[in-house]
Amino acid sequence: MKMIWDGSGATLLSRNQGAVKAALCVAFAFVCLSFSSSNALADLRLCNKTESKVGVAIGYKDKSDWITEGWWNLDANSCETLVPGTLVSRYYYIYAVDYDQFGEWGGRAFMCTREKEFTIRGIEDCVARGYERTGFFEIDTGEQSSWTVQLTEPVQQGTGGR
């Protein structure tokens, strides 16, 4: 049996043992990459592509009720996972506030929110239940298992002629 030096100064390996260990390391690395990439693909993520810090709330329907949750605070040019794992709904609803420019991203789907961190079941009678009634915009994921939403700066209107 021919012996080879492993370079560490601690162990001598036979040529066959070294090949087996190398093959096991490659197989282990492949398995780790497979798990990490498949998990990373199944999320609802939101990326803040603006120069401002934003607060984000999300609305969705679980098996029986509408749920709204907030707030995720995203720094400028950053991303955050809002719903980890495979998406279970086709439609999700987003409301976001620009903390620096005092703008917002909203829509016509009204749901309940509040100023502090929240998870609220139901979208009816928001004000009567002590919440705010807030307009969210709809995201149609097309029943994909993962989706990324990108908030961008609003298009600037020109100041020129009419």
Protein backbone atom coordinates (compact mmCIF):
# COMPACT_ATOMS: atom_id res chain seq x y z
CA MET A 1 0.00 0.00 0.00
CA LYS A 2 1.46 3.34 -1.04
CA MET A 3 1.14 6.12 1.57
CA ILE A 4 0.69 9.82 0.77
CA TRP A 5 1.16 12.81 3.04
CA ASP A 6 -2.09 14.77 3.62
CA GLY A 7 -0.31 18.09 4.15
CA SER A 8 -1.57 18.68 7.67
CA GLY A 9 1.30 16.98 9.40
CA ALA A 10 -1.12 14.95 11.51
CA THR A 11 -2.25 11.97 9.43
CA LEU A 12 -1.04 9.65 6.74
CA LEU A 13 -3.70 8.46 4.29
CA SER A 14 -3.65 5.66 1.79
CA ARG A 15 -4.46 6.70 -1.77
CA ASN A 16 -7.82 4.84 -1.56
CA GLN A 17 -8.78 6.47 1.76
CA GLY A 18 -8.02 9.92 0.35
CA ALA A 19 -10.20 9.31 -2.71
CA VAL A 20 -13.09 8.06 -0.58
CA LYS A 21 -12.87 11.09 1.74
CA ALA A 22 -12.76 13.47 -1.22
CA ALA A 23 -15.80 11.80 -2.79
CA LEU A 24 -17.71 12.01 0.50
CA CYS A 25 -16.85 15.71 0.85
CA VAL A 26 -18.10 16.44 -2.68
CA ALA A 27 -21.32 14.47 -2.06
CA PHE A 28 -21.90 16.28 1.25
CA ALA A 29 -21.37 19.69 -0.39
CA PHE A 30 -23.83 18.78 -3.17
CA VAL A 31 -26.49 17.72 -0.63
CA CYS A 32 -26.01 20.96 1.35
CA LEU A 33 -26.34 23.07 -1.80
CA SER A 34 -29.47 21.18 -2.83
CA PHE A 35 -31.15 21.84 0.50
CA SER A 36 -30.16 25.50 0.67
CA SER A 37 -31.20 26.33 -2.87
CA SER A 38 -34.56 24.56 -2.64
CA ASN A 39 -35.39 26.31 0.63
CA ALA A 40 -34.36 29.69 -0.74
CA LEU A 41 -36.71 29.34 -3.70
CA ALA A 42 -39.92 28.93 -1.69
CA ASP A 43 -40.68 32.29 -0.07
CA LEU A 44 -42.57 35.53 -0.52
CA ARG A 45 -39.86 38.17 -0.45
CA LEU A 46 -40.05 41.92 -0.67
CA CYS A 47 -37.14 44.04 -1.88
CA ASN A 48 -36.94 47.73 -1.09
CA LYS A 49 -35.27 49.20 -4.19
CA THR A 50 -35.57 52.77 -2.91
CA GLU A 51 -33.16 55.06 -1.07
CA SER A 52 -35.58 55.25 1.91
CA LYS A 53 -36.35 53.06 4.88
CA VAL A 54 -39.82 51.51 4.48
CA GLY A 55 -42.33 49.74 6.71
CA VAL A 56 -44.27 46.83 5.20
CA ALA A 57 -47.52 45.07 6.13
CA ILE A 58 -48.92 41.99 4.41
CA GLY A 59 -52.40 40.53 4.06
CA TYR A 60 -53.38 37.01 2.97
CA LYS A 61 -56.05 34.36 3.43
CA ASP A 62 -55.13 31.27 5.39
CA LYS A 63 -57.40 28.21 5.47
CA SER A 64 -60.33 30.04 7.04
CA ASP A 65 -59.61 33.72 7.76
CA TRP A 66 -57.99 36.82 6.34
CA ILE A 67 -54.85 37.76 8.23
CA THR A 68 -52.84 40.98 8.21
CA GLU A 69 -49.37 41.24 9.70
CA GLY A 70 -46.86 44.04 10.10
CA TRP A 71 -44.44 45.68 10.38
CA TRP A 72 -41.26 44.66 8.63
CA ASN A 73 -38.78 47.55 8.55
CA LEU A 74 -36.56 47.40 5.49
CA ASP A 75 -33.52 49.55 5.03
CA ALA A 76 -32.84 51.18 1.65
CA ASN A 77 -31.86 48.67 -1.05
CA SER A 78 -32.52 45.57 1.06
CA CYS A 79 -34.77 42.50 0.93
CA GLU A 80 -36.75 40.58 3.54
CA THR A 81 -38.68 37.31 3.56
CA LEU A 82 -42.30 38.05 4.53
CA VAL A 83 -43.68 34.52 4.17
CA PRO A 84 -41.13 31.73 4.57
CA GLY A 85 -41.66 28.44 2.78
CA THR A 86 -43.90 27.39 -0.08
CA LEU A 87 -46.69 29.89 -0.74
CA VAL A 88 -50.17 28.59 0.07
CA SER A 89 -52.21 31.43 -1.44
CA ARG A 90 -52.34 32.79 -4.95
CA TYR A 91 -53.07 36.35 -3.80
CA TYR A 92 -51.15 38.37 -1.25
CA TYR A 93 -51.68 42.01 -0.35
CA ILE A 94 -49.01 44.58 0.49
CA TYR A 95 -49.09 47.99 2.09
CA ALA A 96 -45.85 49.92 2.58
CA VAL A 97 -44.88 53.28 4.02
CA ASP A 98 -41.83 55.33 3.08
CA TYR A 99 -40.49 56.57 6.42
CA ASP A 100 -38.09 59.10 4.87
CA GLN A 101 -40.21 60.65 2.07
CA PHE A 102 -43.59 60.06 3.79
CA GLY A 103 -45.06 58.29 0.75
CA GLU A 104 -46.88 54.97 0.59
CA TRP A 105 -47.66 52.01 -1.64
CA GLY A 106 -51.31 51.06 -1.26
CA GLY A 107 -54.40 50.00 -3.16
CA ARG A 108 -58.10 49.24 -3.01
CA ALA A 109 -58.08 46.03 -0.95
CA PHE A 110 -58.97 47.30 2.52
CA MET A 111 -57.65 45.43 5.53
CA CYS A 112 -56.93 46.12 9.20
CA THR A 113 -53.63 47.50 10.48
CA ARG A 114 -52.30 49.34 13.50
CA GLU A 115 -49.25 51.50 14.17
CA LYS A 116 -47.38 48.94 16.28
CA GLU A 117 -46.40 45.36 15.41
CA PHE A 118 -49.53 43.30 14.72
CA THR A 119 -51.18 40.10 13.58
CA ILE A 120 -54.90 40.66 13.01
CA ARG A 121 -57.48 38.02 12.07
CA GLY A 122 -60.33 39.27 9.89
CA ILE A 123 -60.70 42.33 7.67
CA GLU A 124 -64.20 43.42 8.66
CA ASP A 125 -65.11 46.31 10.96
CA CYS A 126 -61.50 47.47 11.38
CA VAL A 127 -62.31 50.81 13.00
CA ALA A 128 -65.00 49.34 15.28
CA ARG A 129 -62.45 46.78 16.49
CA GLY A 130 -59.89 49.50 17.28
CA TYR A 131 -57.74 49.16 14.14
CA GLU A 132 -57.07 51.35 11.13
CA ARG A 133 -58.65 50.57 7.74
CA THR A 134 -55.81 50.54 5.22
CA GLY A 135 -55.75 50.02 1.44
CA PHE A 136 -53.39 47.27 0.26
CA PHE A 137 -52.33 46.48 -3.31
CA GLU A 138 -52.80 42.97 -4.70
CA ILE A 139 -50.02 40.59 -5.72
CA ASP A 140 -51.10 37.72 -7.99
CA THR A 141 -48.43 35.03 -7.66
CA GLY A 142 -50.06 32.90 -10.35
CA GLU A 143 -49.92 30.01 -7.84
CA GLN A 144 -46.12 29.95 -7.95
CA SER A 145 -44.36 28.45 -4.93
CA SER A 146 -42.21 31.57 -4.50
CA TRP A 147 -42.46 35.25 -5.43
CA THR A 148 -40.48 38.46 -5.01
CA VAL A 149 -42.07 41.92 -4.86
CA GLN A 150 -39.90 44.97 -5.59
CA LEU A 151 -40.81 48.39 -4.26
CA THR A 152 -39.35 51.11 -6.45
CA GLU A 153 -39.39 54.89 -6.44
CA PRO A 154 -42.52 56.31 -8.05
CA VAL A 155 -42.10 57.63 -11.57
CA GLN A 156 -41.35 61.34 -11.37
CA GLN A 157 -43.70 63.59 -13.36
CA GLY A 158 -42.01 66.23 -15.50
CA THR A 159 -42.44 69.89 -14.62
CA GLY A 160 -42.46 71.07 -18.24
CA GLY A 161 -45.37 72.10 -20.52
CA ARG A 162 -48.91 70.76 -20.51
